[in-house]
Amino acid sequence: MRRRKLRQVPKVVIVGFVIVPLGETSLSKYVAEVVKLLEERGIKYQLTPMSTIIEVETVRDAFDVIEEAHELMFRLGAKRVSTTIRIDDRRDKPVRMEDKVESVLEKVRGG
């Protein structure tokens, strides 16, 4: 019996994260440094008023860059940092950030 090759699905992991240097009132200078880090690493991102969303190939890739951003807060002078991470790891088909948004907008338009 011949075995069929399984089609390899390109992996896309969408991760939302929030890094908060505790005790600070304005976070924009910290967020700007994280955005610079993401751009230096060539990571696709979307900045929102409440979090940063990234698109990477693996959960490990996300953890690595978020750990780097977390540590960056201490290098920038923070004494205490709180980090929250949300992961959307879909493996049946690749779904990008814009696909998720477009799916909702289609439904809003009656599609």
N, C-alpha and C. Protein backbone atom coordinates (compact mmCIF):
# COMPACT_ATOMS: atom_id res chain seq x y z
N MET A 1 0.83 -1.17 0.00
CA MET A 1 0.00 0.00 0.00
C MET A 1 0.89 1.25 0.00
N ARG A 2 0.57 2.16 -0.90
CA ARG A 2 1.35 3.40 -0.99
C ARG A 2 0.85 4.41 0.03
N ARG A 3 1.81 5.09 0.61
CA ARG A 3 1.47 6.14 1.57
C ARG A 3 1.37 7.47 0.84
N ARG A 4 0.34 8.20 1.17
CA ARG A 4 0.20 9.54 0.62
C ARG A 4 1.02 10.50 1.45
N LYS A 5 1.67 11.40 0.78
CA LYS A 5 2.40 12.44 1.50
C LYS A 5 1.40 13.45 2.03
N LEU A 6 1.56 13.79 3.28
CA LEU A 6 0.71 14.82 3.85
C LEU A 6 1.23 16.18 3.41
N ARG A 7 0.30 17.03 3.04
CA ARG A 7 0.68 18.38 2.63
C ARG A 7 1.14 19.15 3.85
N GLN A 8 2.28 19.77 3.74
CA GLN A 8 2.82 20.58 4.83
C GLN A 8 2.11 21.93 4.85
N VAL A 9 1.46 22.23 5.96
CA VAL A 9 0.76 23.51 6.10
C VAL A 9 1.75 24.54 6.64
N PRO A 10 1.93 25.66 5.92
CA PRO A 10 2.83 26.69 6.45
C PRO A 10 2.29 27.17 7.79
N LYS A 11 3.18 27.32 8.73
CA LYS A 11 2.77 27.66 10.08
C LYS A 11 2.77 29.16 10.31
N VAL A 12 1.70 29.63 10.91
CA VAL A 12 1.60 31.03 11.31
C VAL A 12 1.07 31.04 12.74
N VAL A 13 1.82 31.62 13.62
CA VAL A 13 1.39 31.77 15.01
C VAL A 13 1.19 33.26 15.26
N ILE A 14 0.00 33.61 15.75
CA ILE A 14 -0.31 35.00 16.06
C ILE A 14 -0.27 35.14 17.58
N VAL A 15 0.49 36.12 18.03
CA VAL A 15 0.69 36.28 19.47
C VAL A 15 0.46 37.73 19.86
N GLY A 16 -0.37 37.91 20.86
CA GLY A 16 -0.59 39.24 21.43
C GLY A 16 0.13 39.32 22.76
N PHE A 17 0.80 40.43 22.99
CA PHE A 17 1.48 40.55 24.28
C PHE A 17 1.44 41.99 24.78
N VAL A 18 1.52 42.09 26.11
CA VAL A 18 1.56 43.38 26.79
C VAL A 18 2.70 43.31 27.79
N ILE A 19 3.61 44.27 27.71
CA ILE A 19 4.71 44.36 28.68
C ILE A 19 4.55 45.69 29.40
N VAL A 20 4.43 45.62 30.71
CA VAL A 20 4.21 46.83 31.50
C VAL A 20 5.30 47.00 32.55
N PRO A 21 6.14 48.02 32.40
CA PRO A 21 7.07 48.36 33.48
C PRO A 21 6.24 48.98 34.61
N LEU A 22 6.12 48.29 35.72
CA LEU A 22 5.26 48.76 36.81
C LEU A 22 5.83 50.01 37.46
N GLY A 23 4.92 50.90 37.85
CA GLY A 23 5.33 52.14 38.48
C GLY A 23 5.50 53.29 37.51
N GLU A 24 5.29 53.04 36.24
CA GLU A 24 5.43 54.09 35.22
C GLU A 24 4.04 54.63 34.86
N THR A 25 3.96 55.90 34.53
CA THR A 25 2.68 56.48 34.11
C THR A 25 2.56 56.55 32.60
N SER A 26 3.65 56.71 31.90
CA SER A 26 3.64 56.76 30.44
C SER A 26 4.50 55.61 29.92
N LEU A 27 3.93 54.87 28.98
CA LEU A 27 4.64 53.70 28.46
C LEU A 27 5.15 53.87 27.04
N SER A 28 4.85 55.00 26.40
CA SER A 28 5.17 55.15 24.98
C SER A 28 6.65 54.99 24.68
N LYS A 29 7.53 55.47 25.55
CA LYS A 29 8.97 55.32 25.27
C LYS A 29 9.38 53.84 25.32
N TYR A 30 8.75 53.07 26.18
CA TYR A 30 9.04 51.63 26.26
C TYR A 30 8.49 50.90 25.04
N VAL A 31 7.26 51.25 24.68
CA VAL A 31 6.63 50.62 23.51
C VAL A 31 7.45 50.92 22.26
N ALA A 32 7.92 52.15 22.13
CA ALA A 32 8.73 52.53 20.96
C ALA A 32 9.97 51.66 20.85
N GLU A 33 10.60 51.35 21.97
CA GLU A 33 11.80 50.51 21.95
C GLU A 33 11.46 49.08 21.55
N VAL A 34 10.31 48.59 21.98
CA VAL A 34 9.88 47.24 21.58
C VAL A 34 9.59 47.21 20.08
N VAL A 35 8.94 48.24 19.57
CA VAL A 35 8.67 48.31 18.13
C VAL A 35 9.98 48.32 17.34
N LYS A 36 10.97 49.07 17.81
CA LYS A 36 12.29 49.07 17.14
C LYS A 36 12.88 47.67 17.14
N LEU A 37 12.76 46.96 18.25
CA LEU A 37 13.28 45.60 18.35
C LEU A 37 12.59 44.69 17.33
N LEU A 38 11.27 44.77 17.23
CA LEU A 38 10.52 43.94 16.28
C LEU A 38 10.94 44.26 14.84
N GLU A 39 11.12 45.54 14.55
CA GLU A 39 11.54 45.93 13.20
C GLU A 39 12.95 45.43 12.90
N GLU A 40 13.84 45.52 13.88
CA GLU A 40 15.21 45.01 13.69
C GLU A 40 15.20 43.51 13.41
N ARG A 41 14.29 42.79 14.03
CA ARG A 41 14.21 41.33 13.86
C ARG A 41 13.40 40.94 12.63
N GLY A 42 12.80 41.91 11.96
CA GLY A 42 11.99 41.62 10.77
C GLY A 42 10.70 40.90 11.10
N ILE A 43 10.15 41.15 12.27
CA ILE A 43 8.93 40.48 12.70
C ILE A 43 7.73 41.33 12.33
N LYS A 44 6.76 40.70 11.68
CA LYS A 44 5.53 41.39 11.32
C LYS A 44 4.76 41.69 12.61
N TYR A 45 4.30 42.93 12.76
CA TYR A 45 3.60 43.29 13.98
C TYR A 45 2.46 44.26 13.68
N GLN A 46 1.57 44.35 14.65
CA GLN A 46 0.49 45.33 14.60
C GLN A 46 0.42 45.95 15.99
N LEU A 47 0.58 47.24 16.05
CA LEU A 47 0.51 47.97 17.31
C LEU A 47 -0.93 48.41 17.53
N THR A 48 -1.47 48.12 18.70
CA THR A 48 -2.82 48.56 19.05
C THR A 48 -2.72 49.43 20.31
N PRO A 49 -3.79 50.12 20.68
CA PRO A 49 -3.71 50.96 21.88
C PRO A 49 -3.44 50.18 23.17
N MET A 50 -3.77 48.88 23.19
CA MET A 50 -3.67 48.11 24.42
C MET A 50 -2.68 46.96 24.38
N SER A 51 -2.14 46.63 23.20
CA SER A 51 -1.20 45.52 23.11
C SER A 51 -0.47 45.57 21.78
N THR A 52 0.47 44.66 21.64
CA THR A 52 1.19 44.49 20.38
C THR A 52 0.93 43.07 19.90
N ILE A 53 0.62 42.91 18.63
CA ILE A 53 0.34 41.60 18.04
C ILE A 53 1.50 41.30 17.08
N ILE A 54 2.02 40.08 17.16
CA ILE A 54 3.08 39.68 16.23
C ILE A 54 2.67 38.41 15.51
N GLU A 55 3.29 38.20 14.35
CA GLU A 55 3.05 37.02 13.55
C GLU A 55 4.40 36.35 13.31
N VAL A 56 4.54 35.12 13.80
CA VAL A 56 5.80 34.39 13.70
C VAL A 56 5.52 32.97 13.24
N GLU A 57 6.58 32.19 13.01
CA GLU A 57 6.40 30.82 12.54
C GLU A 57 6.18 29.82 13.66
N THR A 58 6.77 30.07 14.82
CA THR A 58 6.64 29.11 15.92
C THR A 58 6.40 29.83 17.24
N VAL A 59 5.84 29.09 18.18
CA VAL A 59 5.65 29.64 19.52
C VAL A 59 7.01 29.99 20.12
N ARG A 60 8.02 29.17 19.86
CA ARG A 60 9.37 29.45 20.37
C ARG A 60 9.87 30.79 19.85
N ASP A 61 9.62 31.10 18.57
CA ASP A 61 10.01 32.40 18.01
C ASP A 61 9.37 33.53 18.81
N ALA A 62 8.09 33.36 19.13
CA ALA A 62 7.38 34.38 19.91
C ALA A 62 7.99 34.53 21.29
N PHE A 63 8.19 33.40 21.97
CA PHE A 63 8.76 33.46 23.31
C PHE A 63 10.13 34.14 23.30
N ASP A 64 10.93 33.83 22.31
CA ASP A 64 12.28 34.41 22.24
C ASP A 64 12.24 35.93 22.13
N VAL A 65 11.43 36.44 21.22
CA VAL A 65 11.41 37.90 21.03
C VAL A 65 10.70 38.59 22.19
N ILE A 66 9.69 37.95 22.76
CA ILE A 66 9.01 38.57 23.91
C ILE A 66 9.93 38.58 25.13
N GLU A 67 10.70 37.51 25.30
CA GLU A 67 11.67 37.51 26.40
C GLU A 67 12.69 38.64 26.21
N GLU A 68 13.13 38.82 24.98
CA GLU A 68 14.08 39.89 24.69
C GLU A 68 13.46 41.26 24.99
N ALA A 69 12.20 41.44 24.62
CA ALA A 69 11.51 42.71 24.90
C ALA A 69 11.30 42.90 26.41
N HIS A 70 10.99 41.83 27.11
CA HIS A 70 10.81 41.87 28.56
C HIS A 70 12.11 42.32 29.24
N GLU A 71 13.21 41.72 28.84
CA GLU A 71 14.52 42.08 29.41
C GLU A 71 14.92 43.50 29.04
N LEU A 72 14.50 43.94 27.86
CA LEU A 72 14.79 45.31 27.43
C LEU A 72 14.22 46.34 28.41
N MET A 73 13.07 46.04 28.99
CA MET A 73 12.45 46.97 29.95
C MET A 73 13.39 47.22 31.13
N PHE A 74 14.06 46.18 31.60
CA PHE A 74 15.00 46.34 32.71
C PHE A 74 16.22 47.15 32.29
N ARG A 75 16.70 46.91 31.06
CA ARG A 75 17.84 47.69 30.57
C ARG A 75 17.48 49.17 30.42
N LEU A 76 16.19 49.44 30.24
CA LEU A 76 15.72 50.83 30.11
C LEU A 76 15.42 51.46 31.47
N GLY A 77 15.66 50.70 32.54
CA GLY A 77 15.51 51.28 33.87
C GLY A 77 14.36 50.79 34.72
N ALA A 78 13.51 49.93 34.19
CA ALA A 78 12.39 49.41 34.99
C ALA A 78 12.93 48.53 36.11
N LYS A 79 12.25 48.59 37.25
CA LYS A 79 12.63 47.76 38.40
C LYS A 79 11.73 46.53 38.53
N ARG A 80 10.53 46.61 37.95
CA ARG A 80 9.58 45.50 37.99
C ARG A 80 8.79 45.53 36.69
N VAL A 81 8.58 44.34 36.08
CA VAL A 81 7.91 44.26 34.78
C VAL A 81 6.87 43.14 34.81
N SER A 82 5.69 43.43 34.29
CA SER A 82 4.63 42.43 34.16
C SER A 82 4.38 42.19 32.67
N THR A 83 4.40 40.92 32.25
CA THR A 83 4.20 40.57 30.85
C THR A 83 3.05 39.58 30.72
N THR A 84 2.13 39.86 29.81
CA THR A 84 1.00 38.98 29.52
C THR A 84 1.08 38.57 28.06
N ILE A 85 0.86 37.26 27.80
CA ILE A 85 0.98 36.72 26.44
C ILE A 85 -0.28 35.93 26.09
N ARG A 86 -0.81 36.14 24.87
CA ARG A 86 -1.91 35.34 24.33
C ARG A 86 -1.44 34.74 23.00
N ILE A 87 -1.69 33.45 22.81
CA ILE A 87 -1.19 32.74 21.63
C ILE A 87 -2.35 32.14 20.84
N ASP A 88 -2.36 32.38 19.53
CA ASP A 88 -3.30 31.73 18.62
C ASP A 88 -2.46 30.87 17.68
N ASP A 89 -2.46 29.57 17.93
CA ASP A 89 -1.62 28.62 17.19
C ASP A 89 -2.54 27.66 16.45
N ARG A 90 -2.94 28.02 15.25
CA ARG A 90 -3.84 27.21 14.44
C ARG A 90 -3.02 26.37 13.48
N ARG A 91 -3.29 25.07 13.43
CA ARG A 91 -2.44 24.18 12.63
C ARG A 91 -3.13 23.54 11.44
N ASP A 92 -4.43 23.78 11.26
CA ASP A 92 -5.10 23.17 10.11
C ASP A 92 -4.94 23.99 8.84
N LYS A 93 -4.76 25.29 9.00
CA LYS A 93 -4.52 26.15 7.84
C LYS A 93 -3.86 27.43 8.32
N PRO A 94 -3.05 28.04 7.47
CA PRO A 94 -2.41 29.29 7.89
C PRO A 94 -3.42 30.43 7.88
N VAL A 95 -3.50 31.14 8.99
CA VAL A 95 -4.38 32.30 9.09
C VAL A 95 -3.55 33.45 9.61
N ARG A 96 -3.48 34.50 8.82
CA ARG A 96 -2.67 35.66 9.18
C ARG A 96 -3.54 36.69 9.92
N MET A 97 -2.88 37.67 10.51
CA MET A 97 -3.59 38.70 11.27
C MET A 97 -4.70 39.34 10.43
N GLU A 98 -4.35 39.74 9.23
CA GLU A 98 -5.32 40.44 8.39
C GLU A 98 -6.47 39.53 7.96
N ASP A 99 -6.22 38.21 7.86
CA ASP A 99 -7.29 37.26 7.53
C ASP A 99 -8.35 37.24 8.62
N LYS A 100 -7.91 37.27 9.87
CA LYS A 100 -8.85 37.24 10.99
C LYS A 100 -9.72 38.50 11.00
N VAL A 101 -9.11 39.64 10.75
CA VAL A 101 -9.86 40.89 10.73
C VAL A 101 -10.83 40.90 9.56
N GLU A 102 -10.36 40.49 8.39
CA GLU A 102 -11.21 40.49 7.19
C GLU A 102 -12.40 39.55 7.35
N SER A 103 -12.22 38.43 8.02
CA SER A 103 -13.32 37.49 8.26
C SER A 103 -14.44 38.16 9.05
N VAL A 104 -14.09 38.92 10.05
CA VAL A 104 -15.10 39.63 10.85
C VAL A 104 -15.77 40.72 10.02
N LEU A 105 -14.96 41.49 9.28
CA LEU A 105 -15.52 42.59 8.48
C LEU A 105 -16.47 42.07 7.41
N GLU A 106 -16.17 40.92 6.82
CA GLU A 106 -17.07 40.31 5.84
C GLU A 106 -18.43 40.03 6.46
N LYS A 107 -18.41 39.50 7.67
CA LYS A 107 -19.66 39.18 8.36
C LYS A 107 -20.42 40.46 8.71
N VAL A 108 -19.72 41.51 9.06
CA VAL A 108 -20.36 42.80 9.35
C VAL A 108 -21.07 43.32 8.11
N ARG A 109 -20.42 43.12 6.94
CA ARG A 109 -21.00 43.59 5.67
C ARG A 109 -22.07 42.65 5.15
N GLY A 110 -22.34 41.57 5.88
CA GLY A 110 -23.40 40.64 5.46
C GLY A 110 -22.91 39.49 4.62
N GLY A 111 -21.60 39.27 4.57
CA GLY A 111 -21.04 38.20 3.74
C GLY A 111 -20.94 36.88 4.41
